[in-house]
Amino acid sequence: GHSMGGHGALTIAIKNPSDWVSVSAFSPICNPTACPWGEKAFTAYLGSVEAGKDHDATALLSVMTEPTKFDNILIDQGTSDEFLAKNQLLPEKLVEAASKCGQKVSLNMREGFDHSYYFIASFIEDHVAFHGQHLRKKQAELLVIASSMYDFSATVGKPIECNAMVARGPKQPLTLEKITVGTPKAGEVRVKVMANALCHTDVYTLDGHDPEGIFPCILGHEAGCVVESVGEGVESVKPGDHVIPCYTPQCAKSSCIFCMSPKTNLCPEIRGTQGQGVMPDATVRFHDKDGKPIYHFMGCSTMAEYTVLAEISCAKISKELPLEKACLFGCGVSTGLGAVWNTCKVERGSSVAVFGLGAVGLAVIQGAKAVGASRIIAVDINPDKFPAAVALGATDTVDSSKIDKPVQAHIVDMTKWGVDFSFDCTGIVSVMRAALECAHRGWGTSCVIGVAASGHEISTRPFQLVTGRTWKGTAFGGFKSREDVPLLVQQCIDGTLPVDHFITHNFDGVEHTNSAIDALHGGKCLRAVVRY
């Protein structure tokens, strides 16, 4: 609060400390019963100055024998404040009373500042950071308490019956079914799925475009989970840990040339069985009510209340980030960021074009902005997506359906020679070509992120490559899953990598997954998170 509002903030917090995490004020009236303003106000409204002591922060602290629950009270005060000179504010009285009861108060006397809103604007960032630090600490405490409430003793070593959304066939709505989830075998982890974000790859498979799509199966691969039990030999996670299932595993064996190489994240350890919809031992852990097998999907299958994962597919993360946010790092957001940071290594001052402004495309923009790209061109056929792109850092927007020439030619005209880096986030092969052909002559790099439908092929004139362009692709943004995902989550906790803007829809209960799919088809959804 500020001035009278500062007086109110201090008083309310000190009187009701259990209701608040932190308190701060700008130029507060600290001891109103001892200043002219308070004497006049309390006499008029309450009948006497004495009656105002219950609403005086200094008076409240002066009768305390021990500090409040607040580890610090932050106050900023300008030295040129006219009300300070008139003894209306009296911050020194508050500090004196706080000192006697052991309450810490950080009083910053700001040289030359007055009582104005300019003073507030000059230091508001410090106060936001102060409260943010305390809110994150409180959130972490609550999450630890919540996670300690899980008692899996009744299910360890036994099959679990739970709800799941089963994909019985392509182009069919998911069906809510009771399934049995088997116990984890050696090297496996059974988890309770807490939140699942719907990704276009799930819909791509459900619509029959995935050549590896096997039915019946349980889709879902972008989730936040709690470990329920582990199989023999599992050492990297334990019951109660928070994990993100990763469709790109990381075995981290010294014999794995892929895991040992900094050039790739494509560990092939379980790729063969994962693509066949089974666990590493070539069997399934899911069965329907008739005992018939249900196949796995991308090694994750998180559209079920419980699932079984390979240990090497589990990224153990901090418990400080709510799983309904952490789940976003299981696919789309990580893929977009990594395409910029790892695959293409976009440099400061670069020009960038992003085709497709779904969650992945926006993550590319966010990542490009973070590394200092000087120009970011956002391309889509839906102009309703442009405001979000601009908010994240796009400097230009192009509605490719409204121009009278190929979009690649339009972008070359905008930039003279093309952009330094371009990214396809659509999965449409004609757009992949356009992205390449708008890359800068001589050194431009174009990255394919979107997954094309089965049987589709990309094409361009060889001259495009002869004249210095590079065409490359990325999977999971080049991140080594178990090593890098925890670091991304920590960045989010620290406030340097926000993801809230990606969550546009929320649903409660696995049975509402079809509603999430409908939302995704609606065109205004980035990520629909279903909390179980």
Protein backbone atom coordinates (compact mmCIF):
# COMPACT_ATOMS: atom_id res chain seq x y z
CA GLY A 1 0.00 0.00 0.00
CA HIS A 2 0.90 3.68 -0.32
CA SER A 3 0.37 6.46 2.22
CA MET A 4 -3.03 5.74 3.82
CA GLY A 5 -3.06 2.48 1.89
CA GLY A 6 0.34 1.71 3.34
CA HIS A 7 -1.06 2.31 6.82
CA GLY A 8 -3.86 -0.13 5.96
CA ALA A 9 -1.51 -2.78 4.55
CA LEU A 10 0.72 -2.73 7.64
CA THR A 11 -2.18 -2.79 10.08
CA ILE A 12 -4.15 -5.54 8.34
CA ALA A 13 -1.07 -7.75 7.98
CA ILE A 14 0.05 -7.32 11.61
CA LYS A 15 -3.46 -8.00 12.93
CA ASN A 16 -4.06 -11.01 10.66
CA PRO A 17 -0.63 -12.51 9.90
CA SER A 18 -1.98 -15.98 9.05
CA ASP A 19 -3.92 -14.52 6.13
CA TRP A 20 -0.90 -13.05 4.37
CA VAL A 21 2.49 -14.24 3.13
CA SER A 22 4.28 -10.87 3.03
CA VAL A 23 3.70 -7.15 3.51
CA SER A 24 5.27 -3.98 2.10
CA ALA A 25 4.43 -0.27 1.87
CA PHE A 26 5.43 3.00 0.23
CA SER A 27 5.45 6.12 2.44
CA PRO A 28 3.00 4.60 4.96
CA ILE A 29 1.42 6.50 7.84
CA CYS A 30 3.21 4.36 10.40
CA ASN A 31 1.96 5.76 13.70
CA PRO A 32 -1.39 7.48 13.03
CA THR A 33 -2.37 7.90 16.68
CA ALA A 34 0.70 10.15 17.09
CA CYS A 35 0.30 12.34 14.00
CA PRO A 36 -2.09 15.19 13.06
CA TRP A 37 -3.83 13.20 10.31
CA GLY A 38 -4.58 10.28 12.62
CA GLU A 39 -5.73 12.46 15.48
CA LYS A 40 -8.26 14.13 13.21
CA ALA A 41 -9.40 10.92 11.49
CA PHE A 42 -9.74 8.71 14.58
CA THR A 43 -11.56 11.39 16.52
CA ALA A 44 -14.00 11.92 13.65
CA TYR A 45 -14.65 8.26 12.83
CA LEU A 46 -14.08 6.41 16.11
CA GLY A 47 -14.70 9.11 18.74
CA SER A 48 -11.17 9.29 20.13
CA VAL A 49 -7.49 8.87 19.29
CA GLU A 50 -7.27 6.07 21.87
CA ALA A 51 -9.80 4.03 19.89
CA GLY A 52 -7.48 4.18 16.91
CA LYS A 53 -4.71 2.16 18.53
CA ASP A 54 -6.25 -1.05 17.21
CA HIS A 55 -5.60 0.36 13.73
CA ASP A 56 -2.08 1.66 14.29
CA ALA A 57 0.81 -0.57 13.15
CA THR A 58 3.29 1.03 15.55
CA ALA A 59 0.89 0.74 18.48
CA LEU A 60 0.21 -2.92 17.64
CA LEU A 61 3.93 -3.77 17.49
CA SER A 62 4.67 -1.88 20.70
CA VAL A 63 2.58 -4.30 22.80
CA MET A 64 4.05 -7.44 21.24
CA THR A 65 6.68 -9.47 23.08
CA GLU A 66 7.79 -11.43 20.02
CA PRO A 67 7.91 -10.79 16.26
CA THR A 68 5.13 -11.53 13.79
CA LYS A 69 5.37 -14.48 11.39
CA PHE A 70 6.74 -12.14 8.70
CA ASP A 71 10.49 -12.56 8.32
CA ASN A 72 10.70 -8.98 7.06
CA ILE A 73 8.51 -5.93 6.45
CA LEU A 74 9.60 -3.83 3.47
CA ILE A 75 9.09 -0.05 3.50
CA ASP A 76 10.31 2.55 1.03
CA GLN A 77 10.27 6.21 2.06
CA GLY A 78 11.37 9.29 0.13
CA THR A 79 13.58 11.77 1.99
CA SER A 80 11.93 14.75 0.24
CA ASP A 81 8.39 13.67 1.16
CA GLU A 82 6.49 16.75 2.37
CA PHE A 83 4.42 14.61 4.75
CA LEU A 84 7.57 13.17 6.30
CA ALA A 85 8.70 16.68 7.13
CA LYS A 86 5.31 17.44 8.72
CA ASN A 87 5.61 14.40 11.06
CA GLN A 88 2.63 12.70 9.44
CA LEU A 89 4.43 9.44 8.55
CA LEU A 90 6.81 8.68 11.47
CA PRO A 91 8.57 5.59 10.05
CA GLU A 92 11.21 5.85 12.79
CA LYS A 93 8.51 5.12 15.39
CA LEU A 94 7.55 1.89 13.60
CA VAL A 95 11.19 0.79 13.38
CA GLU A 96 11.68 1.50 17.09
CA ALA A 97 8.60 -0.53 18.10
CA ALA A 98 9.60 -3.37 15.77
CA SER A 99 13.10 -3.47 17.22
CA LYS A 100 11.76 -3.96 20.74
CA CYS A 101 9.73 -7.06 19.81
CA GLY A 102 12.35 -8.46 17.43
CA GLN A 103 10.46 -7.79 14.21
CA LYS A 104 12.69 -7.11 11.19
CA VAL A 105 11.78 -4.03 9.17
CA SER A 106 13.74 -2.98 6.08
CA LEU A 107 13.27 0.79 5.83
CA ASN A 108 14.83 2.21 2.66
CA MET A 109 15.19 6.00 2.78
CA ARG A 110 15.26 7.02 -0.88
CA GLU A 111 17.24 10.21 -1.36
CA GLY A 112 15.41 13.01 -3.16
CA PHE A 113 12.11 11.19 -3.72
CA ASP A 114 8.76 12.66 -2.67
CA HIS A 115 5.26 11.25 -1.98
CA SER A 116 4.27 10.91 -5.64
CA TYR A 117 3.32 8.00 -7.87
CA TYR A 118 6.65 8.52 -9.63
CA PHE A 119 8.27 7.38 -6.38
CA ILE A 120 6.16 4.21 -6.41
CA ALA A 121 6.94 3.54 -10.09
CA SER A 122 10.66 3.89 -9.39
CA PHE A 123 10.76 1.06 -6.85
CA ILE A 124 7.66 -1.06 -7.50
CA GLU A 125 9.79 -3.74 -9.17
CA ASP A 126 11.64 -4.28 -5.87
CA HIS A 127 8.33 -4.81 -4.07
CA VAL A 128 7.01 -7.21 -6.70
CA ALA A 129 10.24 -9.22 -6.40
CA PHE A 130 9.97 -9.16 -2.60
CA HIS A 131 6.44 -10.56 -2.64
CA GLY A 132 7.27 -12.99 -5.45
CA GLN A 133 10.10 -14.49 -3.42
CA HIS A 134 7.84 -15.00 -0.42
CA LEU A 135 4.97 -16.38 -2.50
CA ARG A 136 7.26 -18.91 -4.19
CA LYS A 137 8.60 -19.98 -0.81
CA LYS A 138 5.07 -20.43 0.52
CA GLN A 139 4.02 -22.32 -2.60
CA ALA A 140 6.96 -24.68 -2.19
CA GLU A 141 6.01 -25.33 1.43
CA LEU A 142 2.43 -26.12 0.45
CA LEU A 143 3.53 -28.42 -2.36
CA VAL A 144 5.82 -30.35 -0.04
CA ILE A 145 2.95 -30.74 2.41
CA ALA A 146 0.63 -31.87 -0.40
CA SER A 147 3.10 -34.39 -1.78
CA SER A 148 3.65 -35.87 1.66
CA MET A 149 -0.06 -36.64 1.82
CA TYR A 150 0.23 -39.38 -0.81
CA ASP A 151 0.16 -42.81 0.75
CA PHE A 152 0.73 -45.52 -1.83
CA SER A 153 1.27 -48.34 0.63
CA ALA A 154 -2.04 -49.97 -0.29
CA THR A 155 -1.17 -50.27 -4.00
CA VAL A 156 2.56 -51.05 -4.05
CA GLY A 157 3.19 -54.45 -5.61
CA LYS A 158 -0.42 -54.83 -6.74
CA PRO A 159 -2.30 -54.10 -9.98
CA ILE A 160 -4.23 -50.82 -9.88
CA GLU A 161 -7.70 -50.34 -11.31
CA CYS A 162 -8.29 -46.78 -12.50
CA ASN A 163 -10.00 -44.61 -15.10
CA ALA A 164 -8.46 -44.00 -18.50
CA MET A 165 -9.47 -42.48 -21.81
CA VAL A 166 -8.92 -45.24 -24.35
CA ALA A 167 -8.43 -44.65 -28.07
CA ARG A 168 -10.20 -47.63 -29.64
CA GLY A 169 -9.52 -46.60 -33.21
CA PRO A 170 -8.63 -43.65 -35.45
CA LYS A 171 -11.16 -40.86 -35.88
CA GLN A 172 -13.19 -42.13 -32.90
CA PRO A 173 -13.87 -40.24 -29.66
CA LEU A 174 -11.90 -41.50 -26.68
CA THR A 175 -13.91 -43.76 -24.39
CA LEU A 176 -13.83 -43.60 -20.60
CA GLU A 177 -12.97 -47.07 -19.32
CA LYS A 178 -11.89 -48.87 -16.19
CA ILE A 179 -8.51 -50.38 -16.86
CA THR A 180 -5.96 -52.38 -14.90
CA VAL A 181 -2.43 -51.02 -14.66
CA GLY A 182 0.12 -53.70 -13.88
CA THR A 183 3.03 -53.45 -11.48
CA PRO A 184 6.32 -52.00 -12.73
CA LYS A 185 8.90 -54.53 -13.85
CA ALA A 186 12.68 -54.16 -13.65
CA GLY A 187 13.78 -50.72 -14.78
CA GLU A 188 10.21 -49.38 -14.74
CA VAL A 189 8.30 -46.80 -12.72
CA ARG A 190 4.57 -46.63 -12.01
CA VAL A 191 3.24 -43.12 -11.54
CA LYS A 192 0.04 -41.37 -10.58
CA VAL A 193 -0.75 -38.84 -13.28
CA MET A 194 -1.75 -35.51 -11.73
CA ALA A 195 -2.12 -33.33 -14.81
CA ASN A 196 -1.99 -33.89 -18.56
CA ALA A 197 -1.68 -31.21 -21.25
CA LEU A 198 -3.16 -32.04 -24.61
CA CYS A 199 -0.68 -31.84 -27.49
CA HIS A 200 -1.41 -31.80 -31.23
CA THR A 201 0.61 -35.00 -31.57
CA ASP A 202 -2.08 -36.83 -29.57
CA VAL A 203 -4.76 -35.55 -31.94
CA TYR A 204 -2.53 -36.30 -34.95
CA THR A 205 -2.42 -39.96 -33.90
CA LEU A 206 -6.11 -40.08 -32.98
CA ASP A 207 -6.98 -38.72 -36.43
CA GLY A 208 -5.09 -41.63 -38.06
CA HIS A 209 -2.11 -39.68 -39.42
CA ASP A 210 0.57 -41.49 -37.41
CA PRO A 211 2.13 -44.46 -39.22
CA GLU A 212 3.10 -45.91 -35.83
CA GLY A 213 -0.39 -45.43 -34.38
CA ILE A 214 -1.54 -48.70 -32.83
CA PHE A 215 -5.04 -49.22 -31.42
CA PRO A 216 -6.46 -49.67 -28.88
CA CYS A 217 -4.07 -47.44 -26.99
CA ILE A 218 -3.87 -44.82 -24.27
CA LEU A 219 -2.64 -41.51 -25.67
CA GLY A 220 -1.03 -38.61 -23.80
CA HIS A 221 2.61 -37.64 -23.36
CA GLU A 222 2.74 -34.15 -21.78
CA ALA A 223 2.13 -34.73 -18.09
CA GLY A 224 3.13 -34.13 -14.49
CA CYS A 225 3.19 -37.20 -12.25
CA VAL A 226 4.01 -38.51 -8.78
CA VAL A 227 5.94 -41.78 -8.47
CA GLU A 228 3.75 -44.49 -6.89
CA SER A 229 6.18 -47.43 -6.98
CA VAL A 230 9.32 -48.58 -8.75
CA GLY A 231 10.52 -51.84 -10.21
CA GLU A 232 13.68 -53.74 -9.49
CA GLY A 233 16.92 -51.86 -10.04
CA VAL A 234 15.38 -48.38 -10.24
CA GLU A 235 17.58 -45.91 -8.38
CA SER A 236 17.05 -42.47 -9.93
CA VAL A 237 13.52 -41.96 -8.56
CA LYS A 238 11.54 -43.13 -5.55
CA PRO A 239 7.89 -43.08 -4.43
CA GLY A 240 6.67 -39.54 -3.85
CA ASP A 241 9.04 -37.93 -6.34
CA HIS A 242 7.63 -35.58 -8.97
CA VAL A 243 8.48 -36.57 -12.53
CA ILE A 244 7.76 -35.54 -16.10
CA PRO A 245 7.44 -38.46 -18.54
CA CYS A 246 9.65 -37.86 -21.57
CA TYR A 247 8.99 -39.49 -24.93
CA THR A 248 12.66 -38.94 -25.76
CA PRO A 249 14.44 -41.07 -23.14
CA GLN A 250 18.00 -40.68 -21.87
CA CYS A 251 19.69 -43.91 -20.85
CA ALA A 252 22.93 -42.01 -20.07
CA LYS A 253 25.00 -45.18 -20.54
CA SER A 254 28.64 -44.65 -21.38
CA SER A 255 28.14 -47.17 -24.19
CA CYS A 256 25.38 -45.06 -25.79
CA ILE A 257 27.07 -42.89 -28.40
CA PHE A 258 23.91 -40.77 -28.65
CA CYS A 259 23.70 -39.96 -24.93
CA MET A 260 27.43 -39.34 -24.77
CA SER A 261 27.39 -36.97 -27.73
CA PRO A 262 26.54 -33.28 -27.20
CA LYS A 263 25.25 -33.23 -30.79
CA THR A 264 21.97 -35.09 -30.20
CA ASN A 265 19.34 -36.18 -27.69
CA LEU A 266 18.05 -39.11 -29.74
CA CYS A 267 18.75 -42.02 -27.39
CA PRO A 268 17.70 -45.24 -29.19
CA GLU A 269 17.74 -47.49 -26.11
CA ILE A 270 14.00 -48.28 -26.14
CA ARG A 271 13.03 -46.77 -29.50
CA GLY A 272 12.17 -50.11 -31.09
CA THR A 273 9.65 -51.24 -28.48
CA GLN A 274 8.31 -47.74 -27.82
CA GLY A 275 7.35 -47.42 -31.48
CA GLN A 276 5.47 -50.74 -31.24
CA GLY A 277 3.35 -49.56 -28.31
CA VAL A 278 4.92 -51.88 -25.73
CA MET A 279 7.29 -51.67 -22.79
CA PRO A 280 11.00 -52.54 -23.17
CA ASP A 281 10.27 -56.24 -22.49
CA ALA A 282 7.78 -56.22 -25.42
CA THR A 283 4.68 -56.57 -23.19
CA VAL A 284 2.02 -54.10 -22.06
CA ARG A 285 1.02 -52.91 -18.57
CA PHE A 286 -2.55 -51.97 -19.50
CA HIS A 287 -5.54 -54.29 -19.80
CA ASP A 288 -9.24 -53.54 -20.23
CA LYS A 289 -12.11 -54.97 -18.18
CA ASP A 290 -12.07 -58.11 -20.33
CA GLY A 291 -8.35 -58.64 -19.77
CA LYS A 292 -7.43 -57.66 -23.31
CA PRO A 293 -4.22 -55.66 -23.85
CA ILE A 294 -4.18 -51.91 -24.46
CA TYR A 295 -1.09 -50.48 -26.13
CA HIS A 296 1.20 -47.73 -24.88
CA PHE A 297 1.84 -44.44 -26.68
CA MET A 298 5.20 -42.69 -27.04
CA GLY A 299 6.38 -44.50 -23.92
CA CYS A 300 4.07 -42.31 -21.81
CA SER A 301 0.29 -42.97 -22.06
CA THR A 302 -0.74 -40.25 -19.64
CA MET A 303 -4.46 -40.10 -20.43
CA ALA A 304 -4.88 -42.56 -17.57
CA GLU A 305 -4.90 -41.92 -13.85
CA TYR A 306 -1.90 -44.26 -13.52
CA THR A 307 0.70 -45.29 -16.06
CA VAL A 308 3.98 -47.21 -16.22
CA LEU A 309 7.15 -45.66 -17.65
CA ALA A 310 10.68 -46.76 -18.32
CA GLU A 311 13.02 -45.31 -15.71
CA ILE A 312 15.06 -43.70 -18.47
CA SER A 313 11.94 -41.77 -19.54
CA CYS A 314 11.42 -40.13 -16.13
CA ALA A 315 12.78 -36.63 -15.55
CA LYS A 316 12.80 -36.01 -11.80
CA ILE A 317 11.87 -32.39 -11.07
CA SER A 318 11.53 -30.05 -8.11
CA LYS A 319 8.31 -30.25 -6.13
CA GLU A 320 8.12 -26.45 -6.03
CA LEU A 321 6.35 -26.10 -9.38
CA PRO A 322 2.72 -27.26 -9.54
CA LEU A 323 2.44 -30.28 -11.81
CA GLU A 324 -0.32 -28.61 -13.84
CA LYS A 325 2.35 -26.14 -15.00
CA ALA A 326 5.34 -28.49 -14.99
CA CYS A 327 3.57 -30.82 -17.43
CA LEU A 328 4.09 -28.27 -20.23
CA PHE A 329 7.81 -29.11 -20.26
CA GLY A 330 7.00 -32.65 -21.41
CA CYS A 331 6.75 -31.69 -25.07
CA GLY A 332 5.64 -28.51 -26.86
CA VAL A 333 7.18 -25.73 -24.79
CA SER A 334 10.51 -27.53 -24.43
CA THR A 335 10.53 -28.36 -28.14
CA GLY A 336 10.03 -24.74 -29.20
CA LEU A 337 12.59 -23.34 -26.78
CA GLY A 338 15.15 -26.02 -27.61
CA ALA A 339 14.80 -25.54 -31.35
CA VAL A 340 16.04 -21.99 -30.80
CA TRP A 341 18.59 -22.57 -28.05
CA ASN A 342 19.99 -26.00 -28.94
CA THR A 343 19.25 -26.99 -32.52
CA CYS A 344 19.79 -23.64 -34.23
CA LYS A 345 21.63 -21.72 -31.51
CA VAL A 346 20.03 -18.44 -32.53
CA GLU A 347 22.40 -15.55 -31.91
CA ARG A 348 21.78 -12.13 -30.43
CA GLY A 349 20.73 -9.63 -33.10
CA SER A 350 19.44 -12.33 -35.47
CA SER A 351 16.29 -12.10 -37.56
CA VAL A 352 13.78 -14.93 -37.14
CA ALA A 353 10.58 -16.06 -38.88
CA VAL A 354 8.15 -18.40 -37.12
CA PHE A 355 5.49 -20.24 -39.12
CA GLY A 356 2.52 -21.42 -37.03
CA LEU A 357 1.55 -19.75 -33.77
CA GLY A 358 0.38 -22.61 -31.62
CA ALA A 359 2.11 -23.41 -28.34
CA VAL A 360 5.31 -24.58 -30.09
CA GLY A 361 5.50 -21.50 -32.32
CA LEU A 362 4.96 -19.17 -29.38
CA ALA A 363 7.65 -21.02 -27.45
CA VAL A 364 10.00 -20.41 -30.40
CA ILE A 365 9.18 -16.70 -30.21
CA GLN A 366 9.72 -16.67 -26.45
CA GLY A 367 13.05 -18.45 -26.86
CA ALA A 368 14.18 -16.11 -29.67
CA LYS A 369 13.28 -13.06 -27.61
CA ALA A 370 15.20 -14.45 -24.65
CA VAL A 371 18.43 -14.73 -26.64
CA GLY A 372 18.09 -11.24 -28.08
CA ALA A 373 16.78 -11.76 -31.62
CA SER A 374 16.34 -8.29 -33.11
CA ARG A 375 13.48 -9.07 -35.49
CA ILE A 376 10.91 -11.82 -35.06
CA ILE A 377 8.33 -12.30 -37.81
CA ALA A 378 5.25 -14.28 -36.76
CA VAL A 379 3.36 -16.00 -39.59
CA ASP A 380 -0.10 -17.57 -39.41
CA ILE A 381 -3.43 -17.59 -41.24
CA ASN A 382 -5.35 -16.77 -38.04
CA PRO A 383 -4.80 -13.11 -37.05
CA ASP A 384 -6.41 -13.78 -33.67
CA LYS A 385 -3.11 -15.39 -32.70
CA PHE A 386 -1.03 -12.28 -33.38
CA PRO A 387 -1.57 -10.45 -30.05
CA ALA A 388 -0.09 -13.37 -28.08
CA ALA A 389 2.86 -13.51 -30.46
CA VAL A 390 3.52 -9.79 -30.11
CA ALA A 391 3.23 -10.01 -26.32
CA LEU A 392 5.99 -12.65 -26.32
CA GLY A 393 8.32 -10.69 -28.56
CA ALA A 394 7.22 -10.78 -32.21
CA THR A 395 8.13 -7.55 -33.99
CA ASP A 396 6.15 -8.23 -37.19
CA THR A 397 3.07 -10.29 -38.06
CA VAL A 398 2.12 -11.75 -41.44
CA ASP A 399 -1.25 -13.24 -42.36
CA SER A 400 -0.07 -15.45 -45.20
CA SER A 401 -3.63 -15.92 -46.47
CA LYS A 402 -3.94 -12.19 -47.22
CA ILE A 403 -0.87 -11.57 -49.37
CA ASP A 404 -0.69 -11.73 -53.18
CA LYS A 405 2.60 -13.62 -53.48
CA PRO A 406 4.23 -16.66 -51.87
CA VAL A 407 4.89 -15.93 -48.22
CA GLN A 408 8.59 -16.70 -48.63
CA ALA A 409 8.88 -14.02 -51.29
CA HIS A 410 6.98 -11.59 -49.05
CA ILE A 411 9.40 -12.19 -46.18
CA VAL A 412 12.42 -11.82 -48.46
CA ASP A 413 10.96 -8.47 -49.57
CA MET A 414 10.53 -7.45 -45.93
CA THR A 415 14.14 -8.31 -45.09
CA LYS A 416 15.95 -7.85 -48.46
CA TRP A 417 17.82 -11.17 -48.27
CA GLY A 418 15.67 -13.26 -45.93
CA VAL A 419 15.88 -14.13 -42.24
CA ASP A 420 18.81 -15.65 -40.40
CA PHE A 421 16.64 -18.39 -38.89
CA SER A 422 13.20 -19.76 -39.76
CA PHE A 423 11.08 -22.34 -37.97
CA ASP A 424 8.19 -24.45 -39.25
CA CYS A 425 5.77 -25.27 -36.44
CA THR A 426 2.87 -26.44 -38.63
CA GLY A 427 3.72 -29.92 -39.92
CA ILE A 428 2.61 -28.82 -43.40
CA VAL A 429 5.21 -29.67 -46.02
CA SER A 430 4.44 -26.64 -48.22
CA VAL A 431 5.05 -24.41 -45.19
CA MET A 432 8.32 -26.23 -44.50
CA ARG A 433 9.42 -25.28 -48.01
CA ALA A 434 8.34 -21.68 -47.52
CA ALA A 435 10.30 -21.51 -44.26
CA LEU A 436 13.46 -22.73 -45.99
CA GLU A 437 13.08 -20.41 -48.96
CA CYS A 438 12.74 -17.30 -46.78
CA ALA A 439 16.03 -18.11 -45.03
CA HIS A 440 18.92 -15.73 -45.71
CA ARG A 441 20.97 -16.31 -48.82
CA GLY A 442 24.44 -17.51 -47.87
CA TRP A 443 23.85 -18.54 -44.26
CA GLY A 444 20.16 -18.89 -43.39
CA THR A 445 19.07 -21.89 -41.33
CA SER A 446 15.57 -23.36 -41.38
CA CYS A 447 14.35 -25.81 -38.74
CA VAL A 448 11.50 -28.29 -39.18
CA ILE A 449 9.64 -28.80 -35.90
CA GLY A 450 6.12 -29.77 -36.99
CA VAL A 451 5.39 -33.42 -37.73
CA ALA A 452 3.94 -34.03 -41.18
CA ALA A 453 1.21 -36.55 -41.93
CA SER A 454 2.25 -40.06 -42.93
CA GLY A 455 3.58 -40.32 -46.48
CA HIS A 456 4.16 -36.61 -47.02
CA GLU A 457 7.53 -35.55 -48.40
CA ILE A 458 9.37 -32.23 -48.47
CA SER A 459 10.80 -30.65 -51.61
CA THR A 460 12.66 -27.57 -52.81
CA ARG A 461 14.99 -26.65 -55.66
CA PRO A 462 18.57 -27.79 -54.93
CA PHE A 463 19.62 -24.22 -55.72
CA GLN A 464 18.15 -23.17 -52.36
CA LEU A 465 20.75 -25.30 -50.59
CA VAL A 466 23.57 -24.60 -53.04
CA THR A 467 23.21 -20.91 -52.22
CA GLY A 468 24.08 -21.47 -48.59
CA ARG A 469 20.89 -22.35 -46.74
CA THR A 470 20.81 -25.12 -44.13
CA TRP A 471 17.75 -27.31 -43.56
CA LYS A 472 17.56 -29.19 -40.28
CA GLY A 473 15.03 -30.71 -37.90
CA THR A 474 14.61 -31.13 -34.17
CA ALA A 475 13.03 -33.59 -31.75
CA PHE A 476 12.18 -32.37 -28.26
CA GLY A 477 14.28 -29.32 -29.03
CA GLY A 478 17.52 -31.23 -28.67
CA PHE A 479 17.11 -31.38 -24.88
CA LYS A 480 18.51 -34.44 -23.13
CA SER A 481 15.40 -35.23 -21.15
CA ARG A 482 16.46 -36.39 -17.70
CA GLU A 483 19.35 -33.93 -17.62
CA ASP A 484 17.74 -30.79 -19.05
CA VAL A 485 14.04 -30.86 -18.16
CA PRO A 486 14.73 -30.39 -14.42
CA LEU A 487 16.76 -27.29 -15.32
CA LEU A 488 13.89 -25.85 -17.37
CA VAL A 489 11.52 -26.43 -14.46
CA GLN A 490 13.93 -24.67 -12.11
CA GLN A 491 14.08 -21.68 -14.46
CA CYS A 492 10.30 -21.52 -14.29
CA ILE A 493 10.40 -21.65 -10.48
CA ASP A 494 13.01 -18.88 -10.44
CA GLY A 495 10.74 -16.68 -12.55
CA THR A 496 13.01 -16.50 -15.60
CA LEU A 497 10.94 -18.86 -17.78
CA PRO A 498 7.20 -18.17 -17.36
CA VAL A 499 4.74 -20.64 -18.92
CA ASP A 500 1.35 -19.57 -17.55
CA HIS A 501 0.45 -17.86 -20.84
CA PHE A 502 0.40 -21.21 -22.64
CA ILE A 503 -2.46 -22.59 -20.52
CA THR A 504 -5.67 -21.30 -22.07
CA HIS A 505 -8.08 -24.02 -20.89
CA ASN A 506 -8.38 -26.13 -17.73
CA PHE A 507 -10.49 -29.22 -17.10
CA ASP A 508 -10.88 -31.41 -14.03
CA GLY A 509 -11.04 -35.18 -14.33
CA VAL A 510 -9.61 -37.54 -16.93
CA GLU A 511 -13.15 -38.05 -18.21
CA HIS A 512 -13.09 -34.50 -19.63
CA THR A 513 -10.25 -35.23 -22.05
CA ASN A 514 -12.62 -35.21 -25.05
CA SER A 515 -13.65 -31.69 -24.03
CA ALA A 516 -9.98 -30.73 -24.08
CA ILE A 517 -9.70 -32.15 -27.61
CA ASP A 518 -12.72 -30.11 -28.67
CA ALA A 519 -11.06 -27.00 -27.22
CA LEU A 520 -7.88 -27.71 -29.16
CA HIS A 521 -9.89 -28.06 -32.37
CA GLY A 522 -11.60 -24.73 -31.63
CA GLY A 523 -8.60 -22.71 -32.78
CA LYS A 524 -8.27 -20.57 -29.65
CA CYS A 525 -6.52 -23.11 -27.47
CA LEU A 526 -2.77 -23.28 -26.89
CA ARG A 527 -2.71 -25.87 -24.14
CA ALA A 528 -5.68 -27.49 -22.43
CA VAL A 529 -4.59 -28.96 -19.11
CA VAL A 530 -6.66 -31.75 -17.61
CA ARG A 531 -6.12 -32.13 -13.87
CA TYR A 532 -6.74 -35.63 -12.51
